[in-house]
Amino acid sequence: MKIAISSTGPDLDSQVDPRFGRCQYFMIVELDDMSFEAVPNAGLAQGGGVGIQSATVVANKGAKCVLTGNVGPNAYQTLSAAGLDVITGVSGTVGEAARQYKESRLKPAEQPTVGAYFGAGEAKGAPQPGMPPQAPRPGFGMGMGRGMGMGRGMGMGRGMGMGRGVWPAMAPSGEATREDELVHLKEDARMLAEQMDNIQKRIKELENKKP
């Protein structure tokens, strides 16, 4: 059985990365003999959509379970729709985490543990000293469900899942500026348009298939 572990490095002695979508490597471990494949995270520096992309990568590698520190709403929904268990709160080395799972000492999570965009600051650069703290904001994520399977049973479902992103730094009044809000809303709109485009492409593929 194969499992996927978010990792800071390409071997079993590397530490488990607390981020799933923005981890350094996906370690695909075969539990029968502890052989492994280190898959670099190609979406590490992406602005958005990394949770879904990362979940697709590990699902396509044949993993049946994901071990990580935290997981966001989009990745959790994608992994669950693909039939993968998600275990969070994992720490230590990749090898230790794999052995703990093999000994049935870890239990699947029942929901996401962080909001959308978790770890984005580390990928793009942490806030500079003296900058005001960032505050939660509502975000949007595409719901993953049954009906339109996209390989390995991973379907794009109906409905919009509500995630949690981050507003830009607050203005002195305690509210985000109009310009900052506009920038982030445009980014959300771009991501949603991209996801809808993928859904429409898949619909056309299914409609063109012979029964």
N, C-alpha and C. Protein backbone atom coordinates (compact mmCIF):
# COMPACT_ATOMS: atom_id res chain seq x y z
N MET A 1 0.84 -1.20 0.00
CA MET A 1 0.00 0.00 0.00
C MET A 1 0.87 1.25 0.00
N LYS A 2 0.50 2.23 -0.83
CA LYS A 2 1.25 3.47 -0.91
C LYS A 2 0.57 4.58 -0.11
N ILE A 3 1.39 5.36 0.58
CA ILE A 3 0.87 6.55 1.26
C ILE A 3 1.71 7.73 0.80
N ALA A 4 1.16 8.94 0.94
CA ALA A 4 1.88 10.16 0.58
C ALA A 4 2.11 10.99 1.83
N ILE A 5 3.33 11.49 2.00
CA ILE A 5 3.67 12.28 3.18
C ILE A 5 4.29 13.60 2.71
N SER A 6 3.77 14.72 3.22
CA SER A 6 4.38 16.01 2.88
C SER A 6 5.73 16.10 3.58
N SER A 7 6.75 16.50 2.83
CA SER A 7 8.10 16.44 3.36
C SER A 7 8.91 17.69 3.03
N THR A 8 9.88 17.99 3.93
CA THR A 8 10.78 19.11 3.69
C THR A 8 11.98 18.70 2.86
N GLY A 9 12.18 17.40 2.65
CA GLY A 9 13.33 16.90 1.90
C GLY A 9 13.00 15.64 1.14
N PRO A 10 13.96 15.10 0.37
CA PRO A 10 13.70 13.97 -0.53
C PRO A 10 14.04 12.59 0.03
N ASP A 11 14.07 12.42 1.36
CA ASP A 11 14.37 11.09 1.90
C ASP A 11 13.59 10.84 3.18
N LEU A 12 13.68 9.61 3.69
CA LEU A 12 12.89 9.21 4.86
C LEU A 12 13.34 9.90 6.14
N ASP A 13 14.54 10.46 6.16
CA ASP A 13 15.03 11.17 7.35
C ASP A 13 14.63 12.63 7.37
N SER A 14 13.98 13.09 6.31
CA SER A 14 13.52 14.48 6.25
C SER A 14 12.33 14.67 7.19
N GLN A 15 12.14 15.89 7.64
CA GLN A 15 11.02 16.21 8.52
C GLN A 15 9.72 16.31 7.72
N VAL A 16 8.63 15.92 8.37
CA VAL A 16 7.31 16.10 7.76
C VAL A 16 7.04 17.59 7.62
N ASP A 17 6.67 18.02 6.43
CA ASP A 17 6.35 19.43 6.20
C ASP A 17 4.94 19.70 6.75
N PRO A 18 4.78 20.74 7.59
CA PRO A 18 3.45 21.02 8.15
C PRO A 18 2.44 21.50 7.12
N ARG A 19 2.92 21.88 5.93
CA ARG A 19 2.03 22.32 4.85
C ARG A 19 1.84 21.19 3.86
N PHE A 20 0.62 21.01 3.38
CA PHE A 20 0.41 20.00 2.35
C PHE A 20 0.57 20.61 0.96
N GLY A 21 -0.29 21.57 0.62
CA GLY A 21 -0.26 22.13 -0.73
C GLY A 21 1.05 22.80 -1.08
N ARG A 22 1.72 23.34 -0.08
CA ARG A 22 2.97 24.07 -0.33
C ARG A 22 4.18 23.39 0.29
N CYS A 23 4.11 22.08 0.44
CA CYS A 23 5.26 21.34 0.96
C CYS A 23 6.37 21.31 -0.09
N GLN A 24 7.59 20.99 0.35
CA GLN A 24 8.72 20.92 -0.58
C GLN A 24 8.66 19.67 -1.47
N TYR A 25 8.31 18.54 -0.84
CA TYR A 25 8.26 17.27 -1.57
C TYR A 25 7.04 16.47 -1.13
N PHE A 26 6.54 15.64 -2.05
CA PHE A 26 5.58 14.60 -1.72
C PHE A 26 6.35 13.29 -1.69
N MET A 27 6.42 12.66 -0.53
CA MET A 27 7.11 11.38 -0.41
C MET A 27 6.07 10.27 -0.58
N ILE A 28 6.18 9.51 -1.65
CA ILE A 28 5.27 8.40 -1.90
C ILE A 28 5.94 7.14 -1.36
N VAL A 29 5.44 6.63 -0.25
CA VAL A 29 6.08 5.52 0.46
C VAL A 29 5.28 4.24 0.29
N GLU A 30 5.95 3.17 -0.12
CA GLU A 30 5.35 1.84 -0.20
C GLU A 30 5.56 1.16 1.14
N LEU A 31 4.48 0.94 1.87
CA LEU A 31 4.59 0.45 3.24
C LEU A 31 5.13 -0.98 3.32
N ASP A 32 4.93 -1.78 2.30
CA ASP A 32 5.37 -3.18 2.35
C ASP A 32 6.87 -3.31 2.53
N ASP A 33 7.64 -2.45 1.85
CA ASP A 33 9.10 -2.56 1.96
C ASP A 33 9.77 -1.22 2.27
N MET A 34 8.97 -0.17 2.53
CA MET A 34 9.46 1.18 2.86
C MET A 34 10.28 1.80 1.72
N SER A 35 10.07 1.31 0.49
CA SER A 35 10.67 1.99 -0.65
C SER A 35 9.89 3.29 -0.87
N PHE A 36 10.51 4.24 -1.55
CA PHE A 36 9.83 5.53 -1.68
C PHE A 36 10.21 6.24 -2.97
N GLU A 37 9.38 7.19 -3.34
CA GLU A 37 9.64 8.08 -4.47
C GLU A 37 9.47 9.50 -3.96
N ALA A 38 10.47 10.35 -4.18
CA ALA A 38 10.40 11.76 -3.78
C ALA A 38 9.93 12.58 -4.98
N VAL A 39 8.77 13.20 -4.85
CA VAL A 39 8.20 13.99 -5.95
C VAL A 39 8.27 15.47 -5.58
N PRO A 40 9.11 16.26 -6.25
CA PRO A 40 9.16 17.70 -5.96
C PRO A 40 7.80 18.36 -6.21
N ASN A 41 7.46 19.31 -5.38
CA ASN A 41 6.19 20.00 -5.51
C ASN A 41 6.31 21.10 -6.55
N ALA A 42 5.82 20.85 -7.75
CA ALA A 42 5.95 21.81 -8.85
C ALA A 42 5.10 23.06 -8.63
N GLY A 43 4.09 22.97 -7.76
CA GLY A 43 3.21 24.11 -7.54
C GLY A 43 3.56 24.93 -6.31
N LEU A 44 4.76 24.73 -5.78
CA LEU A 44 5.15 25.37 -4.52
C LEU A 44 4.98 26.88 -4.53
N ALA A 45 5.38 27.53 -5.61
CA ALA A 45 5.37 28.99 -5.66
C ALA A 45 4.13 29.56 -6.36
N GLN A 46 3.15 28.72 -6.66
CA GLN A 46 1.93 29.20 -7.33
C GLN A 46 1.14 30.11 -6.42
N GLY A 47 0.39 31.04 -7.03
CA GLY A 47 -0.40 31.97 -6.24
C GLY A 47 -1.65 31.34 -5.66
N GLY A 48 -2.27 30.42 -6.36
CA GLY A 48 -3.51 29.82 -5.89
C GLY A 48 -3.75 28.48 -6.54
N GLY A 49 -4.67 27.72 -5.99
CA GLY A 49 -5.01 26.42 -6.56
C GLY A 49 -4.04 25.31 -6.26
N VAL A 50 -3.06 25.56 -5.34
CA VAL A 50 -2.04 24.54 -5.10
C VAL A 50 -2.59 23.34 -4.35
N GLY A 51 -3.62 23.55 -3.52
CA GLY A 51 -4.19 22.44 -2.77
C GLY A 51 -4.78 21.39 -3.69
N ILE A 52 -5.55 21.84 -4.67
CA ILE A 52 -6.17 20.93 -5.64
C ILE A 52 -5.10 20.25 -6.49
N GLN A 53 -4.12 21.03 -6.94
CA GLN A 53 -3.05 20.46 -7.77
C GLN A 53 -2.26 19.41 -6.99
N SER A 54 -1.93 19.72 -5.74
CA SER A 54 -1.15 18.78 -4.92
C SER A 54 -1.94 17.50 -4.66
N ALA A 55 -3.22 17.65 -4.40
CA ALA A 55 -4.06 16.47 -4.16
C ALA A 55 -4.13 15.59 -5.41
N THR A 56 -4.18 16.22 -6.57
CA THR A 56 -4.22 15.47 -7.82
C THR A 56 -2.93 14.69 -8.03
N VAL A 57 -1.79 15.32 -7.69
CA VAL A 57 -0.49 14.66 -7.86
C VAL A 57 -0.42 13.37 -7.05
N VAL A 58 -0.76 13.43 -5.76
CA VAL A 58 -0.62 12.25 -4.91
C VAL A 58 -1.65 11.18 -5.26
N ALA A 59 -2.85 11.62 -5.69
CA ALA A 59 -3.87 10.64 -6.10
C ALA A 59 -3.40 9.89 -7.34
N ASN A 60 -2.80 10.60 -8.27
CA ASN A 60 -2.32 9.97 -9.50
C ASN A 60 -1.13 9.05 -9.26
N LYS A 61 -0.45 9.23 -8.15
CA LYS A 61 0.68 8.36 -7.80
C LYS A 61 0.20 7.06 -7.13
N GLY A 62 -1.09 6.94 -6.92
CA GLY A 62 -1.64 5.71 -6.36
C GLY A 62 -1.67 5.65 -4.85
N ALA A 63 -1.44 6.78 -4.19
CA ALA A 63 -1.48 6.80 -2.72
C ALA A 63 -2.91 6.61 -2.23
N LYS A 64 -3.05 5.93 -1.11
CA LYS A 64 -4.36 5.69 -0.52
C LYS A 64 -4.61 6.55 0.70
N CYS A 65 -3.56 7.23 1.17
CA CYS A 65 -3.69 8.05 2.36
C CYS A 65 -2.64 9.15 2.30
N VAL A 66 -2.95 10.31 2.89
CA VAL A 66 -2.01 11.42 2.97
C VAL A 66 -1.72 11.73 4.43
N LEU A 67 -0.44 11.86 4.76
CA LEU A 67 -0.01 12.25 6.10
C LEU A 67 0.64 13.62 6.00
N THR A 68 0.21 14.56 6.82
CA THR A 68 0.74 15.92 6.75
C THR A 68 0.49 16.64 8.07
N GLY A 69 0.98 17.87 8.15
CA GLY A 69 0.73 18.66 9.36
C GLY A 69 -0.65 19.29 9.32
N ASN A 70 -0.94 19.98 8.22
CA ASN A 70 -2.22 20.66 8.05
C ASN A 70 -2.71 20.52 6.61
N VAL A 71 -4.00 20.65 6.43
CA VAL A 71 -4.58 20.58 5.09
C VAL A 71 -5.70 21.60 4.98
N GLY A 72 -5.75 22.29 3.83
CA GLY A 72 -6.78 23.29 3.60
C GLY A 72 -8.05 22.69 3.01
N PRO A 73 -9.09 23.52 2.87
CA PRO A 73 -10.40 23.01 2.41
C PRO A 73 -10.40 22.45 1.00
N ASN A 74 -9.72 23.09 0.04
CA ASN A 74 -9.73 22.60 -1.33
C ASN A 74 -9.01 21.26 -1.46
N ALA A 75 -7.85 21.17 -0.82
CA ALA A 75 -7.09 19.91 -0.87
C ALA A 75 -7.86 18.80 -0.17
N TYR A 76 -8.47 19.12 0.97
CA TYR A 76 -9.20 18.10 1.72
C TYR A 76 -10.37 17.56 0.89
N GLN A 77 -11.10 18.46 0.26
CA GLN A 77 -12.25 18.04 -0.55
C GLN A 77 -11.80 17.20 -1.74
N THR A 78 -10.70 17.60 -2.38
CA THR A 78 -10.20 16.86 -3.53
C THR A 78 -9.73 15.46 -3.14
N LEU A 79 -8.97 15.39 -2.06
CA LEU A 79 -8.47 14.09 -1.58
C LEU A 79 -9.62 13.17 -1.17
N SER A 80 -10.58 13.73 -0.45
CA SER A 80 -11.72 12.92 0.00
C SER A 80 -12.52 12.41 -1.19
N ALA A 81 -12.71 13.28 -2.20
CA ALA A 81 -13.46 12.88 -3.39
C ALA A 81 -12.74 11.78 -4.15
N ALA A 82 -11.41 11.75 -4.04
CA ALA A 82 -10.63 10.73 -4.73
C ALA A 82 -10.53 9.45 -3.90
N GLY A 83 -11.13 9.44 -2.71
CA GLY A 83 -11.13 8.24 -1.89
C GLY A 83 -9.92 8.09 -0.98
N LEU A 84 -9.15 9.16 -0.78
CA LEU A 84 -7.97 9.09 0.08
C LEU A 84 -8.31 9.53 1.50
N ASP A 85 -7.76 8.84 2.48
CA ASP A 85 -7.83 9.30 3.86
C ASP A 85 -6.83 10.43 4.04
N VAL A 86 -7.14 11.37 4.94
CA VAL A 86 -6.24 12.48 5.23
C VAL A 86 -5.95 12.48 6.72
N ILE A 87 -4.69 12.38 7.07
CA ILE A 87 -4.27 12.39 8.47
C ILE A 87 -3.45 13.64 8.73
N THR A 88 -3.87 14.47 9.68
CA THR A 88 -3.18 15.72 9.98
C THR A 88 -2.53 15.65 11.36
N GLY A 89 -1.79 16.71 11.70
CA GLY A 89 -1.12 16.76 12.99
C GLY A 89 0.11 15.88 13.05
N VAL A 90 0.62 15.46 11.89
CA VAL A 90 1.77 14.55 11.84
C VAL A 90 3.07 15.36 11.90
N SER A 91 4.04 14.89 12.68
CA SER A 91 5.33 15.56 12.80
C SER A 91 6.43 14.51 12.91
N GLY A 92 7.68 14.97 13.06
CA GLY A 92 8.80 14.04 13.10
C GLY A 92 9.33 13.78 11.70
N THR A 93 10.05 12.69 11.53
CA THR A 93 10.60 12.38 10.20
C THR A 93 9.57 11.63 9.37
N VAL A 94 9.81 11.62 8.08
CA VAL A 94 8.92 10.91 7.15
C VAL A 94 8.89 9.42 7.49
N GLY A 95 10.06 8.85 7.78
CA GLY A 95 10.13 7.43 8.12
C GLY A 95 9.34 7.10 9.38
N GLU A 96 9.46 7.96 10.39
CA GLU A 96 8.72 7.74 11.64
C GLU A 96 7.21 7.82 11.40
N ALA A 97 6.79 8.79 10.60
CA ALA A 97 5.37 8.95 10.30
C ALA A 97 4.83 7.72 9.58
N ALA A 98 5.60 7.20 8.62
CA ALA A 98 5.16 6.01 7.89
C ALA A 98 5.02 4.81 8.82
N ARG A 99 5.96 4.66 9.74
CA ARG A 99 5.89 3.53 10.68
C ARG A 99 4.71 3.67 11.64
N GLN A 100 4.43 4.90 12.07
CA GLN A 100 3.28 5.12 12.95
C GLN A 100 1.98 4.76 12.24
N TYR A 101 1.89 5.12 10.96
CA TYR A 101 0.70 4.77 10.20
C TYR A 101 0.59 3.25 10.04
N LYS A 102 1.72 2.61 9.77
CA LYS A 102 1.74 1.16 9.59
C LYS A 102 1.30 0.44 10.85
N GLU A 103 1.58 1.05 12.01
CA GLU A 103 1.20 0.46 13.30
C GLU A 103 -0.19 0.90 13.75
N SER A 104 -0.94 1.55 12.85
CA SER A 104 -2.32 2.01 13.13
C SER A 104 -2.39 2.98 14.30
N ARG A 105 -1.38 3.82 14.42
CA ARG A 105 -1.35 4.78 15.52
C ARG A 105 -1.86 6.16 15.11
N LEU A 106 -2.24 6.31 13.85
CA LEU A 106 -2.72 7.60 13.35
C LEU A 106 -4.16 7.45 12.83
N LYS A 107 -4.96 8.47 13.07
CA LYS A 107 -6.36 8.43 12.66
C LYS A 107 -6.66 9.54 11.66
N PRO A 108 -7.54 9.26 10.68
CA PRO A 108 -7.89 10.27 9.66
C PRO A 108 -8.58 11.48 10.26
N ALA A 109 -8.35 12.63 9.64
CA ALA A 109 -9.03 13.86 10.04
C ALA A 109 -10.43 13.88 9.44
N GLU A 110 -11.34 14.59 10.09
CA GLU A 110 -12.71 14.65 9.60
C GLU A 110 -13.03 15.97 8.90
N GLN A 111 -12.07 16.89 8.90
CA GLN A 111 -12.29 18.18 8.26
C GLN A 111 -10.96 18.89 8.04
N PRO A 112 -10.95 19.96 7.22
CA PRO A 112 -9.70 20.71 7.03
C PRO A 112 -9.22 21.29 8.35
N THR A 113 -7.93 21.54 8.47
CA THR A 113 -7.38 22.09 9.71
C THR A 113 -6.95 23.54 9.57
N VAL A 114 -6.83 24.04 8.34
CA VAL A 114 -6.46 25.44 8.11
C VAL A 114 -7.30 25.99 6.97
N GLY A 115 -7.28 27.32 6.82
CA GLY A 115 -8.01 27.94 5.73
C GLY A 115 -7.22 27.91 4.44
N ALA A 116 -7.86 28.38 3.38
CA ALA A 116 -7.18 28.47 2.09
C ALA A 116 -6.01 29.43 2.19
N TYR A 117 -5.01 29.24 1.33
CA TYR A 117 -3.81 30.07 1.25
C TYR A 117 -2.85 29.85 2.41
N PHE A 118 -3.08 28.81 3.24
CA PHE A 118 -2.15 28.52 4.33
C PHE A 118 -0.77 28.23 3.76
N GLY A 119 0.24 28.90 4.30
CA GLY A 119 1.61 28.69 3.84
C GLY A 119 2.01 29.54 2.65
N ALA A 120 1.08 30.34 2.13
CA ALA A 120 1.40 31.15 0.95
C ALA A 120 2.47 32.18 1.25
N GLY A 121 2.46 32.69 2.47
CA GLY A 121 3.45 33.70 2.86
C GLY A 121 4.86 33.14 2.82
N GLU A 122 5.02 31.85 3.22
CA GLU A 122 6.34 31.25 3.21
C GLU A 122 6.82 31.00 1.81
N ALA A 123 5.87 30.72 0.89
CA ALA A 123 6.27 30.44 -0.49
C ALA A 123 6.67 31.71 -1.22
N LYS A 124 6.01 32.83 -0.89
CA LYS A 124 6.27 34.07 -1.61
C LYS A 124 7.14 35.03 -0.82
N GLY A 125 7.37 34.71 0.46
CA GLY A 125 8.14 35.63 1.30
C GLY A 125 7.30 36.09 2.45
N ALA A 126 7.78 35.92 3.67
CA ALA A 126 7.02 36.30 4.86
C ALA A 126 6.89 37.81 4.95
N PRO A 127 5.88 38.33 5.68
CA PRO A 127 5.72 39.78 5.84
C PRO A 127 6.97 40.38 6.48
N GLN A 128 7.28 41.58 6.12
CA GLN A 128 8.43 42.26 6.66
C GLN A 128 8.16 42.71 8.08
N PRO A 129 9.21 42.82 8.92
CA PRO A 129 9.03 43.28 10.29
C PRO A 129 8.34 44.63 10.31
N GLY A 130 7.42 44.80 11.26
CA GLY A 130 6.72 46.06 11.40
C GLY A 130 5.43 46.14 10.62
N MET A 131 5.18 45.17 9.73
CA MET A 131 3.94 45.18 8.97
C MET A 131 2.78 44.78 9.86
N PRO A 132 1.60 45.38 9.69
CA PRO A 132 0.44 45.00 10.51
C PRO A 132 0.06 43.55 10.25
N PRO A 133 -0.56 42.88 11.21
CA PRO A 133 -0.95 41.48 11.02
C PRO A 133 -2.05 41.37 9.99
N GLN A 134 -2.14 40.17 9.38
CA GLN A 134 -3.20 39.92 8.41
C GLN A 134 -4.39 39.30 9.11
N ALA A 135 -5.56 39.54 8.57
CA ALA A 135 -6.79 39.07 9.19
C ALA A 135 -7.51 38.11 8.28
N PRO A 136 -8.35 37.22 8.84
CA PRO A 136 -9.08 36.27 8.02
C PRO A 136 -10.06 36.96 7.09
N ARG A 137 -10.29 36.36 5.95
CA ARG A 137 -11.33 36.84 5.05
C ARG A 137 -12.00 35.64 4.42
N PRO A 138 -13.24 35.80 3.96
CA PRO A 138 -13.88 34.69 3.27
C PRO A 138 -13.26 34.49 1.91
N GLY A 139 -13.22 33.23 1.45
CA GLY A 139 -12.72 32.93 0.12
C GLY A 139 -13.62 31.91 -0.52
N PHE A 140 -13.31 31.53 -1.74
CA PHE A 140 -14.13 30.57 -2.45
C PHE A 140 -13.30 29.41 -2.93
N GLY A 141 -13.87 28.22 -2.84
CA GLY A 141 -13.20 27.04 -3.39
C GLY A 141 -14.23 26.19 -4.10
N MET A 142 -13.86 25.54 -5.18
CA MET A 142 -14.82 24.72 -5.91
C MET A 142 -15.12 23.45 -5.15
N GLY A 143 -16.39 23.16 -4.92
CA GLY A 143 -16.77 21.93 -4.25
C GLY A 143 -16.42 20.71 -5.08
N MET A 144 -15.88 19.69 -4.46
CA MET A 144 -15.54 18.47 -5.19
C MET A 144 -16.55 17.40 -4.82
N GLY A 145 -17.20 16.81 -5.80
CA GLY A 145 -18.24 15.85 -5.45
C GLY A 145 -18.36 14.74 -6.47
N ARG A 146 -19.51 14.07 -6.48
CA ARG A 146 -19.73 12.96 -7.39
C ARG A 146 -20.24 13.46 -8.74
N GLY A 147 -20.31 12.56 -9.67
CA GLY A 147 -21.02 12.86 -10.90
C GLY A 147 -20.13 12.96 -12.12
N MET A 148 -19.13 13.84 -12.09
CA MET A 148 -18.31 14.01 -13.29
C MET A 148 -16.90 13.57 -13.00
N GLY A 149 -16.64 12.29 -13.05
CA GLY A 149 -15.34 11.74 -12.67
C GLY A 149 -14.25 12.23 -13.61
N MET A 150 -13.11 12.58 -13.03
CA MET A 150 -11.97 13.02 -13.83
C MET A 150 -10.80 12.09 -13.56
N GLY A 151 -10.95 10.82 -13.92
CA GLY A 151 -9.86 9.87 -13.71
C GLY A 151 -9.75 9.51 -12.25
N ARG A 152 -9.50 8.29 -11.91
CA ARG A 152 -9.32 7.81 -10.55
C ARG A 152 -10.47 8.22 -9.64
N GLY A 153 -11.64 8.47 -10.23
CA GLY A 153 -12.83 8.74 -9.43
C GLY A 153 -12.88 10.13 -8.84
N MET A 154 -12.01 11.05 -9.29
CA MET A 154 -12.00 12.38 -8.70
C MET A 154 -12.91 13.28 -9.49
N GLY A 155 -14.09 13.59 -8.97
CA GLY A 155 -15.08 14.34 -9.73
C GLY A 155 -15.16 15.78 -9.31
N MET A 156 -15.53 16.63 -10.26
CA MET A 156 -15.76 18.02 -9.94
C MET A 156 -17.24 18.16 -9.63
N GLY A 157 -17.58 18.46 -8.43
CA GLY A 157 -18.98 18.47 -8.02
C GLY A 157 -19.63 19.83 -8.18
N ARG A 158 -20.90 19.90 -7.84
CA ARG A 158 -21.64 21.15 -7.91
C ARG A 158 -21.46 21.92 -6.62
N GLY A 159 -21.62 23.22 -6.72
CA GLY A 159 -21.63 24.04 -5.52
C GLY A 159 -20.28 24.68 -5.25
N MET A 160 -20.31 25.69 -4.45
CA MET A 160 -19.10 26.42 -4.13
C MET A 160 -18.76 26.17 -2.66
N GLY A 161 -17.56 25.65 -2.40
CA GLY A 161 -17.14 25.44 -1.02
C GLY A 161 -16.55 26.73 -0.47
N MET A 162 -16.90 27.10 0.72
CA MET A 162 -16.36 28.32 1.30
C MET A 162 -15.06 28.02 2.00
N GLY A 163 -13.99 28.64 1.56
CA GLY A 163 -12.70 28.49 2.23
C GLY A 163 -12.40 29.73 3.03
N ARG A 164 -11.20 29.81 3.56
CA ARG A 164 -10.82 31.01 4.28
C ARG A 164 -9.47 31.45 3.75
N GLY A 165 -9.41 32.66 3.28
CA GLY A 165 -8.15 33.18 2.80
C GLY A 165 -7.59 34.20 3.79
N VAL A 166 -6.88 35.20 3.26
CA VAL A 166 -6.31 36.23 4.12
C VAL A 166 -6.47 37.57 3.44
N TRP A 167 -7.03 38.53 4.16
CA TRP A 167 -7.08 39.87 3.62
C TRP A 167 -5.68 40.45 3.65
N PRO A 168 -5.42 41.43 2.82
CA PRO A 168 -4.15 42.14 2.92
C PRO A 168 -4.06 42.87 4.25
N ALA A 169 -2.90 43.43 4.55
CA ALA A 169 -2.69 44.11 5.82
C ALA A 169 -3.75 45.18 6.03
N MET A 170 -4.19 45.32 7.27
CA MET A 170 -5.26 46.24 7.59
C MET A 170 -4.78 47.70 7.54
N ALA A 171 -5.68 48.57 7.11
CA ALA A 171 -5.43 50.00 7.16
C ALA A 171 -5.59 50.46 8.61
N PRO A 172 -5.15 51.68 8.92
CA PRO A 172 -5.27 52.16 10.30
C PRO A 172 -6.67 52.09 10.84
N SER A 173 -7.68 52.22 9.98
CA SER A 173 -9.07 52.17 10.44
C SER A 173 -9.50 50.78 10.85
N GLY A 174 -8.66 49.74 10.53
CA GLY A 174 -9.02 48.36 10.85
C GLY A 174 -9.65 47.64 9.68
N GLU A 175 -9.77 48.33 8.53
CA GLU A 175 -10.38 47.73 7.36
C GLU A 175 -9.37 47.69 6.21
N ALA A 176 -9.49 46.67 5.36
CA ALA A 176 -8.63 46.60 4.19
C ALA A 176 -8.97 47.74 3.25
N THR A 177 -7.97 48.27 2.55
CA THR A 177 -8.22 49.35 1.62
C THR A 177 -9.01 48.84 0.43
N ARG A 178 -9.66 49.76 -0.27
CA ARG A 178 -10.45 49.40 -1.45
C ARG A 178 -9.55 48.77 -2.51
N GLU A 179 -8.35 49.34 -2.69
CA GLU A 179 -7.44 48.82 -3.72
C GLU A 179 -7.00 47.40 -3.40
N ASP A 180 -6.67 47.13 -2.13
CA ASP A 180 -6.23 45.80 -1.75
C ASP A 180 -7.36 44.79 -1.90
N GLU A 181 -8.56 45.20 -1.51
CA GLU A 181 -9.71 44.30 -1.65
C GLU A 181 -9.95 43.97 -3.12
N LEU A 182 -9.80 44.97 -3.98
CA LEU A 182 -10.03 44.77 -5.40
C LEU A 182 -9.02 43.79 -5.99
N VAL A 183 -7.76 43.91 -5.57
CA VAL A 183 -6.71 43.01 -6.05
C VAL A 183 -7.04 41.56 -5.69
N HIS A 184 -7.45 41.33 -4.46
CA HIS A 184 -7.72 39.97 -4.01
C HIS A 184 -8.99 39.41 -4.63
N LEU A 185 -9.99 40.26 -4.83
CA LEU A 185 -11.21 39.79 -5.47
C LEU A 185 -10.94 39.41 -6.93
N LYS A 186 -10.09 40.15 -7.59
CA LYS A 186 -9.73 39.81 -8.97
C LYS A 186 -8.99 38.48 -9.03
N GLU A 187 -8.13 38.23 -8.03
CA GLU A 187 -7.41 36.95 -7.99
C GLU A 187 -8.39 35.80 -7.76
N ASP A 188 -9.36 35.99 -6.85
CA ASP A 188 -10.37 34.96 -6.62
C ASP A 188 -11.16 34.69 -7.91
N ALA A 189 -11.51 35.78 -8.62
CA ALA A 189 -12.28 35.63 -9.86
C ALA A 189 -11.48 34.87 -10.90
N ARG A 190 -10.17 35.16 -10.98
CA ARG A 190 -9.33 34.46 -11.95
C ARG A 190 -9.27 32.97 -11.66
N MET A 191 -9.10 32.61 -10.38
CA MET A 191 -9.03 31.20 -9.99
C MET A 191 -10.33 30.48 -10.30
N LEU A 192 -11.46 31.14 -9.99
CA LEU A 192 -12.76 30.52 -10.25
C LEU A 192 -13.00 30.34 -11.75
N ALA A 193 -12.59 31.33 -12.54
CA ALA A 193 -12.76 31.22 -13.99
C ALA A 193 -11.94 30.06 -14.54
N GLU A 194 -10.73 29.88 -14.00
CA GLU A 194 -9.87 28.79 -14.44
C GLU A 194 -10.49 27.43 -14.09
N GLN A 195 -11.05 27.35 -12.89
CA GLN A 195 -11.67 26.10 -12.47
C GLN A 195 -12.92 25.80 -13.30
N MET A 196 -13.72 26.83 -13.58
CA MET A 196 -14.91 26.63 -14.40
C MET A 196 -14.53 26.21 -15.81
N ASP A 197 -13.44 26.75 -16.33
CA ASP A 197 -12.97 26.36 -17.67
C ASP A 197 -12.63 24.87 -17.69
N ASN A 198 -11.96 24.40 -16.64
CA ASN A 198 -11.62 22.97 -16.56
C ASN A 198 -12.87 22.10 -16.49
N ILE A 199 -13.86 22.57 -15.76
CA ILE A 199 -15.12 21.81 -15.65
C ILE A 199 -15.81 21.73 -17.00
N GLN A 200 -15.86 22.87 -17.73
CA GLN A 200 -16.51 22.88 -19.04
C GLN A 200 -15.79 21.96 -20.02
N LYS A 201 -14.46 21.92 -19.95
CA LYS A 201 -13.70 21.03 -20.82
C LYS A 201 -14.04 19.57 -20.53
N ARG A 202 -14.16 19.26 -19.24
CA ARG A 202 -14.47 17.88 -18.86
C ARG A 202 -15.89 17.51 -19.29
N ILE A 203 -16.82 18.44 -19.20
CA ILE A 203 -18.20 18.19 -19.64
C ILE A 203 -18.22 17.84 -21.12
N LYS A 204 -17.47 18.62 -21.91
CA LYS A 204 -17.43 18.36 -23.35
C LYS A 204 -16.81 17.00 -23.65
N GLU A 205 -15.76 16.63 -22.89
CA GLU A 205 -15.13 15.32 -23.08
C GLU A 205 -16.13 14.20 -22.82
N LEU A 206 -16.90 14.33 -21.74
CA LEU A 206 -17.87 13.30 -21.40
C LEU A 206 -19.01 13.25 -22.41
N GLU A 207 -19.44 14.40 -22.89
CA GLU A 207 -20.53 14.43 -23.87
C GLU A 207 -20.11 13.81 -25.20
N ASN A 208 -18.82 13.94 -25.54
CA ASN A 208 -18.32 13.40 -26.81
C ASN A 208 -17.97 11.92 -26.75
N LYS A 209 -17.95 11.36 -25.53
CA LYS A 209 -17.64 9.93 -25.41
C LYS A 209 -18.83 9.08 -25.83
N LYS A 210 -18.55 8.00 -26.48
CA LYS A 210 -19.63 7.11 -26.89
C LYS A 210 -20.08 6.30 -25.67
N PRO A 211 -21.39 6.01 -25.58
CA PRO A 211 -21.91 5.23 -24.43
C PRO A 211 -21.26 3.85 -24.39
